C-alpha atoms as a PDB file:
ATOM      1  CA  MET A   1      -0.067   0.206  -0.125  1.00  0.00           C
ATOM      2  CA  SER A   2       1.442   3.276  -1.008  1.00  0.00           C
ATOM      3  CA  ARG A   3       2.085   6.143   1.627  1.00  0.00           C
ATOM      4  CA  LYS A   4       0.075   9.316   1.645  1.00  0.00           C
ATOM      5  CA  THR A   5       2.252  12.624   2.810  1.00  0.00           C
ATOM      6  CA  LEU A   6       1.860  15.095   5.207  1.00  0.00           C
ATOM      7  CA  LEU A   7       3.718  18.331   4.077  1.00  0.00           C
ATOM      8  CA  HIS A   8       4.901  20.434   7.249  1.00  0.00           C
ATOM      9  CA  ILE A   9       5.768  23.602   6.694  1.00  0.00           C
ATOM     10  CA  ASP A  10       6.910  25.733   9.665  1.00  0.00           C
ATOM     11  CA  SER A  11       7.840  29.779   9.222  1.00  0.00           C
ATOM     12  CA  SER A  12       8.594  31.369  12.688  1.00  0.00           C
ATOM     13  CA  ALA A  13      11.778  32.759  12.870  1.00  0.00           C
ATOM     14  CA  ARG A  14      12.784  31.246  16.070  1.00  0.00           C
ATOM     15  CA  ARG A  15      14.145  28.148  15.700  1.00  0.00           C
ATOM     16  CA  THR A  16      13.807  27.767  19.878  1.00  0.00           C
ATOM     17  CA  GLY A  17      10.883  28.634  21.999  1.00  0.00           C
ATOM     18  CA  SER A  18       8.653  29.046  19.143  1.00  0.00           C
ATOM     19  CA  GLU A  19       5.204  28.668  20.331  1.00  0.00           C
ATOM     20  CA  SER A  20       4.071  27.965  16.185  1.00  0.00           C
ATOM     21  CA  ARG A  21       6.597  25.441  15.922  1.00  0.00           C
ATOM     22  CA  CYS A  22       5.788  23.432  19.052  1.00  0.00           C
ATOM     23  CA  LEU A  23       1.747  23.105  18.508  1.00  0.00           C
ATOM     24  CA  SER A  24       2.767  22.919  14.716  1.00  0.00           C
ATOM     25  CA  ARG A  25       4.761  19.827  15.831  1.00  0.00           C
ATOM     26  CA  ARG A  26       2.439  18.602  17.638  1.00  0.00           C
ATOM     27  CA  PHE A  27      -0.362  18.504  15.337  1.00  0.00           C
ATOM     28  CA  VAL A  28       2.107  16.503  13.060  1.00  0.00           C
ATOM     29  CA  ARG A  29       3.093  13.988  16.221  1.00  0.00           C
ATOM     30  CA  GLN A  30      -0.848  13.615  16.998  1.00  0.00           C
ATOM     31  CA  TRP A  31      -1.953  13.042  13.176  1.00  0.00           C
ATOM     32  CA  ILE A  32       0.770  10.179  12.397  1.00  0.00           C
ATOM     33  CA  ASP A  33      -0.391   8.647  15.754  1.00  0.00           C
ATOM     34  CA  SER A  34      -4.038   8.589  14.132  1.00  0.00           C
ATOM     35  CA  HIS A  35      -3.128   7.894  10.403  1.00  0.00           C
ATOM     36  CA  PRO A  36       0.357   5.533  10.614  1.00  0.00           C
ATOM     37  CA  ASP A  37      -0.164   5.454   6.532  1.00  0.00           C
ATOM     38  CA  TYR A  38       1.654   8.635   6.461  1.00  0.00           C
ATOM     39  CA  GLN A  39       4.574   9.950   5.934  1.00  0.00           C
ATOM     40  CA  VAL A  40       5.508  13.147   6.905  1.00  0.00           C
ATOM     41  CA  VAL A  41       8.224  15.997   4.600  1.00  0.00           C
ATOM     42  CA  GLU A  42       9.413  18.639   6.479  1.00  0.00           C
ATOM     43  CA  ARG A  43      10.007  22.257   5.267  1.00  0.00           C
ATOM     44  CA  ASP A  44      11.588  24.557   7.513  1.00  0.00           C
ATOM     45  CA  LEU A  45      11.783  28.083   6.247  1.00  0.00           C
ATOM     46  CA  ALA A  46      13.605  29.831   8.689  1.00  0.00           C
ATOM     47  CA  SER A  47      17.001  26.847   8.550  1.00  0.00           C
ATOM     48  CA  LYS A  48      16.419  27.057   4.831  1.00  0.00           C
ATOM     49  CA  PRO A  49      14.870  30.189   3.693  1.00  0.00           C
ATOM     50  CA  LEU A  50      13.868  30.754   0.125  1.00  0.00           C
ATOM     51  CA  PRO A  51      14.735  33.800  -2.301  1.00  0.00           C
ATOM     52  CA  HIS A  52      12.091  36.953  -2.113  1.00  0.00           C
ATOM     53  CA  LEU A  53      10.846  37.903  -5.335  1.00  0.00           C
ATOM     54  CA  ASP A  54      13.006  40.089  -7.297  1.00  0.00           C
ATOM     55  CA  GLU A  55      13.470  40.871 -11.223  1.00  0.00           C
ATOM     56  CA  THR A  56      15.772  37.798 -12.139  1.00  0.00           C
ATOM     57  CA  MET A  57      12.746  35.358 -10.142  1.00  0.00           C
ATOM     58  CA  LEU A  58      10.113  36.895 -12.334  1.00  0.00           C
ATOM     59  CA  GLU A  59      11.909  36.592 -15.864  1.00  0.00           C
ATOM     60  CA  ALA A  60      12.217  33.174 -14.914  1.00  0.00           C
ATOM     61  CA  MET A  61       8.918  32.607 -14.052  1.00  0.00           C
ATOM     62  CA  GLN A  62       7.676  34.592 -17.451  1.00  0.00           C
ATOM     63  CA  ARG A  63      10.276  33.390 -20.386  1.00  0.00           C
ATOM     64  CA  PRO A  64      10.480  30.112 -21.767  1.00  0.00           C
ATOM     65  CA  ALA A  65      12.734  28.348 -20.871  1.00  0.00           C
ATOM     66  CA  GLU A  66      15.078  27.860 -23.975  1.00  0.00           C
ATOM     67  CA  GLN A  67      15.831  31.672 -22.787  1.00  0.00           C
ATOM     68  CA  HIS A  68      17.000  31.179 -19.343  1.00  0.00           C
ATOM     69  CA  THR A  69      19.662  31.978 -18.257  1.00  0.00           C
ATOM     70  CA  PRO A  70      21.877  29.614 -16.596  1.00  0.00           C
ATOM     71  CA  GLU A  71      20.326  31.739 -12.706  1.00  0.00           C
ATOM     72  CA  MET A  72      17.288  31.586 -14.397  1.00  0.00           C
ATOM     73  CA  ALA A  73      17.082  28.016 -14.980  1.00  0.00           C
ATOM     74  CA  ARG A  74      18.140  27.100 -11.305  1.00  0.00           C
ATOM     75  CA  ILE A  75      15.393  29.107 -10.399  1.00  0.00           C
ATOM     76  CA  SER A  76      12.916  27.621 -12.828  1.00  0.00           C
ATOM     77  CA  GLU A  77      13.979  24.166 -11.107  1.00  0.00           C
ATOM     78  CA  ARG A  78      13.994  25.492  -7.571  1.00  0.00           C
ATOM     79  CA  ILE A  79      10.437  26.565  -8.327  1.00  0.00           C
ATOM     80  CA  GLY A  80       9.380  23.359  -9.878  1.00  0.00           C
ATOM     81  CA  MET A  81      10.602  21.367  -7.073  1.00  0.00           C
ATOM     82  CA  LEU A  82       8.456  22.826  -4.352  1.00  0.00           C
ATOM     83  CA  VAL A  83       5.563  22.938  -6.741  1.00  0.00           C
ATOM     84  CA  GLU A  84       5.652  19.432  -6.966  1.00  0.00           C
ATOM     85  CA  GLU A  85       6.109  18.769  -3.390  1.00  0.00           C
ATOM     86  CA  PHE A  86       3.447  21.113  -2.613  1.00  0.00           C
ATOM     87  CA  LEU A  87       1.154  18.718  -5.225  1.00  0.00           C
ATOM     88  CA  SER A  88       1.930  15.751  -3.889  1.00  0.00           C
ATOM     89  CA  ALA A  89       1.102  16.074  -0.213  1.00  0.00           C
ATOM     90  CA  ASP A  90      -2.467  14.581   0.683  1.00  0.00           C
ATOM     91  CA  VAL A  91      -2.347  17.002   3.541  1.00  0.00           C
ATOM     92  CA  VAL A  92      -0.457  20.214   4.862  1.00  0.00           C
ATOM     93  CA  VAL A  93       0.507  21.601   7.834  1.00  0.00           C
ATOM     94  CA  LEU A  94       1.300  25.500   8.337  1.00  0.00           C
ATOM     95  CA  GLY A  95       3.157  26.552  11.692  1.00  0.00           C
ATOM     96  CA  VAL A  96       2.164  30.359  11.047  1.00  0.00           C
ATOM     97  CA  PRO A  97       3.193  33.134  14.505  1.00  0.00           C
ATOM     98  CA  MET A  98       1.289  36.653  13.621  1.00  0.00           C
ATOM     99  CA  TYR A  99       4.643  39.142  12.789  1.00  0.00           C
ATOM    100  CA  ASN A 100       3.153  42.508  12.794  1.00  0.00           C
ATOM    101  CA  LEU A 101      -0.531  41.508  12.109  1.00  0.00           C
ATOM    102  CA  GLY A 102       0.497  39.460   8.776  1.00  0.00           C
ATOM    103  CA  ILE A 103       2.666  36.479   8.199  1.00  0.00           C
ATOM    104  CA  PRO A 104       6.503  35.805   8.194  1.00  0.00           C
ATOM    105  CA  SER A 105       7.896  37.169   5.149  1.00  0.00           C
ATOM    106  CA  THR A 106       9.529  33.711   4.809  1.00  0.00           C
ATOM    107  CA  LEU A 107       6.062  32.459   4.334  1.00  0.00           C
ATOM    108  CA  LYS A 108       5.263  35.307   1.576  1.00  0.00           C
ATOM    109  CA  ALA A 109       8.512  33.843  -0.326  1.00  0.00           C
ATOM    110  CA  TYR A 110       7.357  30.162  -0.190  1.00  0.00           C
ATOM    111  CA  ILE A 111       3.844  31.226  -1.699  1.00  0.00           C
ATOM    112  CA  ASP A 112       5.899  33.253  -4.236  1.00  0.00           C
ATOM    113  CA  HIS A 113       7.087  29.766  -5.566  1.00  0.00           C
ATOM    114  CA  ILE A 114       3.889  27.817  -5.460  1.00  0.00           C
ATOM    115  CA  ALA A 115       1.706  30.311  -7.143  1.00  0.00           C
ATOM    116  CA  ILE A 116       2.316  30.073 -10.388  1.00  0.00           C
ATOM    117  CA  ALA A 117       0.388  30.790 -13.501  1.00  0.00           C
ATOM    118  CA  GLY A 118      -0.128  27.506 -15.318  1.00  0.00           C
ATOM    119  CA  ARG A 119       0.860  24.758 -12.406  1.00  0.00           C
ATOM    120  CA  THR A 120      -1.174  26.018  -9.214  1.00  0.00           C
ATOM    121  CA  PHE A 121      -4.194  28.203 -11.320  1.00  0.00           C
ATOM    122  CA  ALA A 122      -4.765  29.469 -14.169  1.00  0.00           C
ATOM    123  CA  TYR A 123      -6.565  33.265 -15.879  1.00  0.00           C
ATOM    124  CA  THR A 124      -9.279  31.484 -18.195  1.00  0.00           C
ATOM    125  CA  GLU A 125     -11.958  33.627 -19.946  1.00  0.00           C
ATOM    126  CA  GLN A 126     -14.212  33.527 -17.309  1.00  0.00           C
ATOM    127  CA  GLY A 127     -11.531  34.548 -14.521  1.00  0.00           C
ATOM    128  CA  PRO A 128      -9.174  32.955 -12.408  1.00  0.00           C
ATOM    129  CA  VAL A 129      -9.007  29.066 -11.710  1.00  0.00           C
ATOM    130  CA  GLY A 130      -7.060  27.320  -8.820  1.00  0.00           C
ATOM    131  CA  LEU A 131      -5.596  23.903 -10.666  1.00  0.00           C
ATOM    132  CA  VAL A 132      -4.815  22.256  -7.011  1.00  0.00           C
ATOM    133  CA  THR A 133      -7.031  19.120  -6.331  1.00  0.00           C
ATOM    134  CA  ASP A 134      -8.736  20.401  -2.542  1.00  0.00           C
ATOM    135  CA  ARG A 135      -7.212  18.562   0.355  1.00  0.00           C
ATOM    136  CA  PRO A 136      -6.698  19.521   3.840  1.00  0.00           C
ATOM    137  CA  VAL A 137      -4.804  22.813   4.774  1.00  0.00           C
ATOM    138  CA  TYR A 138      -4.256  23.217   8.511  1.00  0.00           C
ATOM    139  CA  ILE A 139      -3.294  26.456   9.601  1.00  0.00           C
ATOM    140  CA  ILE A 140      -1.875  26.973  12.707  1.00  0.00           C
ATOM    141  CA  THR A 141      -0.974  30.226  14.610  1.00  0.00           C
ATOM    142  CA  ALA A 142       0.822  32.005  17.583  1.00  0.00           C
ATOM    143  CA  ARG A 143      -0.614  35.218  18.045  1.00  0.00           C
ATOM    144  CA  GLY A 144       0.563  37.910  20.993  1.00  0.00           C
ATOM    145  CA  GLY A 145      -2.677  39.129  21.273  1.00  0.00           C
ATOM    146  CA  LEU A 146      -6.366  38.716  21.032  1.00  0.00           C
ATOM    147  CA  HIS A 147      -7.140  38.831  17.082  1.00  0.00           C
ATOM    148  CA  THR A 148      -9.853  36.069  15.873  1.00  0.00           C
ATOM    149  CA  GLY A 149     -12.487  37.677  13.721  1.00  0.00           C
ATOM    150  CA  ARG A 150     -11.470  41.880  14.277  1.00  0.00           C
ATOM    151  CA  GLU A 151      -9.622  43.955  11.246  1.00  0.00           C
ATOM    152  CA  THR A 152      -6.088  43.294  13.004  1.00  0.00           C
ATOM    153  CA  ASP A 153      -6.294  40.065  11.692  1.00  0.00           C
ATOM    154  CA  GLN A 154      -4.362  40.014   8.108  1.00  0.00           C
ATOM    155  CA  GLN A 155      -2.663  36.517   8.520  1.00  0.00           C
ATOM    156  CA  SER A 156      -6.196  34.589   8.370  1.00  0.00           C
ATOM    157  CA  PRO A 157      -8.010  36.486   5.374  1.00  0.00           C
ATOM    158  CA  TYR A 158      -4.750  36.793   3.112  1.00  0.00           C
ATOM    159  CA  LEU A 159      -4.186  32.687   3.553  1.00  0.00           C
ATOM    160  CA  LYS A 160      -7.838  31.778   2.705  1.00  0.00           C
ATOM    161  CA  SER A 161      -8.610  33.988  -0.100  1.00  0.00           C
ATOM    162  CA  LEU A 162      -4.565  33.076  -1.386  1.00  0.00           C
ATOM    163  CA  PHE A 163      -5.640  28.878  -0.610  1.00  0.00           C
ATOM    164  CA  SER A 164      -8.943  29.077  -2.320  1.00  0.00           C
ATOM    165  CA  PHE A 165      -7.137  30.951  -5.222  1.00  0.00           C
ATOM    166  CA  LEU A 166      -5.195  27.793  -5.920  1.00  0.00           C
ATOM    167  CA  GLY A 167      -8.201  25.409  -5.521  1.00  0.00           C
ATOM    168  CA  LEU A 168      -7.733  25.219  -1.872  1.00  0.00           C
ATOM    169  CA  ASN A 169     -11.219  24.869   0.238  1.00  0.00           C
ATOM    170  CA  ASN A 170     -10.988  22.743   2.893  1.00  0.00           C
ATOM    171  CA  LEU A 171      -9.108  25.003   5.229  1.00  0.00           C
ATOM    172  CA  ASN A 172      -8.727  24.926   9.107  1.00  0.00           C
ATOM    173  CA  PHE A 173      -7.458  26.753  11.209  1.00  0.00           C
ATOM    174  CA  ILE A 174      -6.106  26.843  14.958  1.00  0.00           C
ATOM    175  CA  HIS A 175      -5.171  30.176  16.634  1.00  0.00           C
ATOM    176  CA  SER A 176      -3.421  30.434  19.855  1.00  0.00           C
ATOM    177  CA  GLU A 177      -4.022  33.770  21.209  1.00  0.00           C
ATOM    178  CA  GLY A 178      -3.425  35.680  23.783  1.00  0.00           C
ATOM    179  CA  LEU A 179       0.216  34.637  24.361  1.00  0.00           C
ATOM    180  CA  ASN A 180       1.813  37.351  25.738  1.00  0.00           C
ATOM    181  CA  MET A 181      -1.408  39.037  27.729  1.00  0.00           C
ATOM    182  CA  GLY A 182      -0.256  37.791  30.925  1.00  0.00           C
ATOM    183  CA  GLU A 183       0.124  33.737  32.615  1.00  0.00           C
ATOM    184  CA  GLU A 184      -3.210  33.083  32.639  1.00  0.00           C
ATOM    185  CA  ALA A 185      -3.994  34.264  29.569  1.00  0.00           C
ATOM    186  CA  ARG A 186      -1.216  32.272  27.430  1.00  0.00           C
ATOM    187  CA  ARG A 187      -1.636  29.537  29.547  1.00  0.00           C
ATOM    188  CA  LYS A 188      -6.059  29.432  28.105  1.00  0.00           C
ATOM    189  CA  GLY A 189      -4.323  30.133  24.651  1.00  0.00           C
ATOM    190  CA  LEU A 190      -2.361  27.142  24.107  1.00  0.00           C
ATOM    191  CA  GLN A 191      -4.857  24.895  25.845  1.00  0.00           C
ATOM    192  CA  GLY A 192      -7.257  25.932  23.331  1.00  0.00           C
ATOM    193  CA  ALA A 193      -5.199  25.582  20.712  1.00  0.00           C
ATOM    194  CA  GLN A 194      -4.300  22.231  22.291  1.00  0.00           C
ATOM    195  CA  ASP A 195      -8.039  20.699  21.957  1.00  0.00           C
ATOM    196  CA  GLU A 196      -8.750  22.151  18.116  1.00  0.00           C
ATOM    197  CA  ILE A 197      -5.504  20.204  17.460  1.00  0.00           C
ATOM    198  CA  GLY A 198      -6.680  16.914  19.139  1.00  0.00           C
ATOM    199  CA  ARG A 199      -9.976  17.019  17.330  1.00  0.00           C
ATOM    200  CA  HIS A 200      -8.277  17.915  14.074  1.00  0.00           C
ATOM    201  CA  ALA A 201      -5.609  15.326  14.462  1.00  0.00           C
ATOM    202  CA  ALA A 202      -7.588  12.540  15.468  1.00  0.00           C
END
Protein backbone atom coordinates (compact mmCIF):
# COMPACT_ATOMS: atom_id res chain seq x y z
CA MET A 1 0.00 0.00 0.00
CA SER A 2 1.47 3.37 -1.02
CA ARG A 3 1.95 5.86 1.78
CA LYS A 4 0.29 9.25 1.84
CA THR A 5 2.23 12.45 2.51
CA LEU A 6 1.82 15.19 5.09
CA LEU A 7 3.75 18.35 4.17
CA HIS A 8 4.74 20.22 7.34
CA ILE A 9 5.83 23.83 6.81
CA ASP A 10 7.25 25.90 9.69
CA SER A 11 7.66 29.63 9.15
CA SER A 12 8.72 30.97 12.55
CA ALA A 13 12.00 32.87 12.59
CA ARG A 14 12.66 31.42 16.05
CA ARG A 15 14.36 28.02 16.15
CA THR A 16 13.67 27.61 19.88
CA GLY A 17 10.85 28.89 22.06
CA SER A 18 8.44 29.17 19.13
CA GLU A 19 4.85 28.31 20.03
CA SER A 20 3.81 27.92 16.39
CA ARG A 21 6.58 25.36 15.95
CA CYS A 22 5.61 23.48 19.11
CA LEU A 23 1.94 23.42 18.17
CA SER A 24 2.44 22.42 14.55
CA ARG A 25 4.81 19.64 15.62
CA ARG A 26 2.23 18.51 18.14
CA PHE A 27 -0.33 18.34 15.34
CA VAL A 28 2.01 16.28 13.15
CA ARG A 29 2.79 13.82 15.97
CA GLN A 30 -0.88 13.30 16.75
CA TRP A 31 -1.78 12.99 13.08
CA ILE A 32 0.84 10.29 12.51
CA ASP A 33 -0.31 8.45 15.64
CA SER A 34 -3.84 8.38 14.20
CA HIS A 35 -2.82 7.93 10.55
CA PRO A 36 0.19 5.58 10.44
CA ASP A 37 -0.08 5.29 6.64
CA TYR A 38 1.32 8.85 6.33
CA GLN A 39 4.90 9.95 5.88
CA VAL A 40 6.04 13.46 6.80
CA VAL A 41 7.93 15.89 4.57
CA GLU A 42 9.40 18.78 6.55
CA ARG A 43 10.05 22.25 5.15
CA ASP A 44 11.58 24.71 7.60
CA LEU A 45 11.56 28.21 6.15
CA ALA A 46 13.97 29.49 8.83
CA SER A 47 16.73 26.91 8.48
CA LYS A 48 16.30 26.81 4.69
CA PRO A 49 14.93 30.23 3.69
CA LEU A 50 13.86 30.86 0.13
CA PRO A 51 14.91 33.97 -1.82
CA HIS A 52 12.34 36.71 -1.97
CA LEU A 53 10.79 37.67 -5.26
CA ASP A 54 13.05 39.78 -7.45
CA GLU A 55 13.41 40.73 -11.11
CA THR A 56 15.41 37.64 -12.09
CA MET A 57 12.88 35.32 -10.45
CA LEU A 58 10.03 37.07 -12.27
CA GLU A 59 11.90 36.67 -15.56
CA ALA A 60 12.46 32.98 -14.84
CA MET A 61 8.72 32.53 -14.28
CA GLN A 62 7.70 34.37 -17.42
CA ARG A 63 10.31 33.42 -20.02
CA PRO A 64 10.25 30.08 -21.90
CA ALA A 65 12.92 27.64 -20.78
CA GLU A 66 14.99 28.08 -23.94
CA GLN A 67 15.47 31.76 -23.05
CA HIS A 68 16.69 31.11 -19.51
CA THR A 69 20.11 32.16 -18.32
CA PRO A 70 21.91 29.62 -16.09
CA GLU A 71 20.65 31.54 -13.02
CA MET A 72 17.08 31.51 -14.32
CA ALA A 73 17.35 27.78 -14.98
CA ARG A 74 18.37 27.21 -11.35
CA ILE A 75 15.45 29.33 -10.15
CA SER A 76 13.03 27.46 -12.40
CA GLU A 77 14.32 24.14 -11.08
CA ARG A 78 13.82 25.31 -7.48
CA ILE A 79 10.29 26.48 -8.24
CA GLY A 80 9.46 23.21 -9.96
CA MET A 81 10.70 21.17 -7.00
CA LEU A 82 8.64 23.18 -4.50
CA VAL A 83 5.51 23.06 -6.64
CA GLU A 84 5.78 19.28 -7.05
CA GLU A 85 6.36 18.86 -3.32
CA PHE A 86 3.24 20.91 -2.58
CA LEU A 87 1.09 19.15 -5.20
CA SER A 88 2.20 15.73 -3.95
CA ALA A 89 1.02 16.36 -0.40
CA ASP A 90 -2.23 14.78 0.73
CA VAL A 91 -2.35 17.03 3.80
CA VAL A 92 -0.59 20.35 4.45
CA VAL A 93 0.19 21.67 7.95
CA LEU A 94 1.54 25.18 8.44
CA GLY A 95 2.95 26.72 11.60
CA VAL A 96 2.42 30.48 11.28
CA PRO A 97 3.35 33.06 13.91
CA MET A 98 1.80 36.51 13.59
CA TYR A 99 4.38 39.17 12.76
CA ASN A 100 3.11 42.75 12.61
CA LEU A 101 -0.47 41.50 12.09
CA GLY A 102 0.47 39.35 9.08
CA ILE A 103 2.44 36.30 8.01
CA PRO A 104 6.25 35.98 8.14
CA SER A 105 8.05 37.22 5.05
CA THR A 106 9.61 33.76 4.70
CA LEU A 107 6.13 32.28 4.22
CA LYS A 108 5.32 34.95 1.63
CA ALA A 109 8.52 33.99 -0.22
CA TYR A 110 7.37 30.35 -0.17
CA ILE A 111 3.95 31.33 -1.51
CA ASP A 112 5.63 33.27 -4.33
CA HIS A 113 7.37 30.02 -5.32
CA ILE A 114 4.23 27.86 -5.44
CA ALA A 115 1.60 30.30 -6.74
CA ILE A 116 2.58 29.81 -10.36
CA ALA A 117 0.35 30.49 -13.37
CA GLY A 118 -0.15 27.33 -15.37
CA ARG A 119 0.88 25.09 -12.46
CA THR A 120 -1.27 25.94 -9.45
CA PHE A 121 -3.69 28.44 -11.03
CA ALA A 122 -4.71 29.67 -14.45
CA TYR A 123 -6.40 32.72 -15.88
CA THR A 124 -9.33 31.93 -18.17
CA GLU A 125 -11.98 33.94 -20.00
CA GLN A 126 -14.24 33.28 -17.01
CA GLY A 127 -11.59 34.45 -14.54
CA PRO A 128 -8.91 32.75 -12.44
CA VAL A 129 -9.21 29.02 -11.76
CA GLY A 130 -7.32 27.07 -9.11
CA LEU A 131 -5.49 24.01 -10.45
CA VAL A 132 -4.69 22.34 -7.12
CA THR A 133 -6.89 19.39 -6.19
CA ASP A 134 -8.58 20.20 -2.89
CA ARG A 135 -7.06 18.60 0.21
CA PRO A 136 -7.01 19.42 3.94
CA VAL A 137 -4.84 22.36 4.96
CA TYR A 138 -4.29 23.03 8.66
CA ILE A 139 -3.01 26.49 9.57
CA ILE A 140 -1.78 26.74 13.16
CA THR A 141 -1.11 30.27 14.33
CA ALA A 142 0.55 31.83 17.37
CA ARG A 143 -0.44 35.37 18.33
CA GLY A 144 0.56 37.63 21.17
CA GLY A 145 -2.84 39.36 21.32
CA LEU A 146 -6.47 38.62 20.49
CA HIS A 147 -7.15 39.03 16.78
CA THR A 148 -9.69 36.44 15.57
CA GLY A 149 -12.67 38.15 13.98
CA ARG A 150 -11.03 41.58 14.21
CA GLU A 151 -9.60 43.82 11.52
CA THR A 152 -6.15 43.31 13.02
CA ASP A 153 -6.21 39.70 11.78
CA GLN A 154 -4.55 40.03 8.39
CA GLN A 155 -3.32 36.43 8.41
CA SER A 156 -6.55 34.47 8.07
CA PRO A 157 -8.21 36.50 5.28
CA TYR A 158 -5.04 36.52 3.19
CA LEU A 159 -4.30 32.82 3.56
CA LYS A 160 -7.94 31.91 2.98
CA SER A 161 -8.04 33.99 -0.22
CA LEU A 162 -4.67 32.71 -1.42
CA PHE A 163 -5.38 29.02 -0.96
CA SER A 164 -8.90 29.36 -2.36
CA PHE A 165 -7.35 31.06 -5.40
CA LEU A 166 -5.25 27.91 -5.89
CA GLY A 167 -8.28 25.62 -5.51
CA LEU A 168 -7.91 24.74 -1.82
CA ASN A 169 -11.05 25.30 0.25
CA ASN A 170 -10.71 22.64 2.96
CA LEU A 171 -8.95 25.12 5.25
CA ASN A 172 -8.79 24.64 9.00
CA PHE A 173 -7.45 27.45 11.21
CA ILE A 174 -6.26 26.64 14.72
CA HIS A 175 -5.41 29.83 16.59
CA SER A 176 -3.44 30.24 19.81
CA GLU A 177 -3.97 33.78 21.02
CA GLY A 178 -3.22 36.04 23.95
CA LEU A 179 0.22 34.52 24.36
CA ASN A 180 1.78 37.82 25.48
CA MET A 181 -1.13 38.94 27.68
CA GLY A 182 -0.09 37.33 30.94
CA GLU A 183 0.24 33.79 32.22
CA GLU A 184 -3.48 33.02 32.48
CA ALA A 185 -4.24 34.28 28.96
CA ARG A 186 -1.23 32.37 27.64
CA ARG A 187 -2.29 29.15 29.35
CA LYS A 188 -5.84 29.52 28.05
CA GLY A 189 -4.65 30.28 24.51
CA LEU A 190 -2.30 27.30 24.34
CA GLN A 191 -4.80 24.91 25.91
CA GLY A 192 -7.50 25.95 23.47
CA ALA A 193 -5.16 25.33 20.51
CA GLN A 194 -4.03 21.99 21.91
CA ASP A 195 -7.65 20.88 22.30
CA GLU A 196 -8.39 21.88 18.69
CA ILE A 197 -5.32 20.02 17.49
CA GLY A 198 -6.50 16.89 19.26
CA ARG A 199 -9.90 17.09 17.58
CA HIS A 200 -8.54 17.73 14.09
CA ALA A 201 -5.59 15.32 14.20
CA ALA A 202 -7.74 12.40 15.34
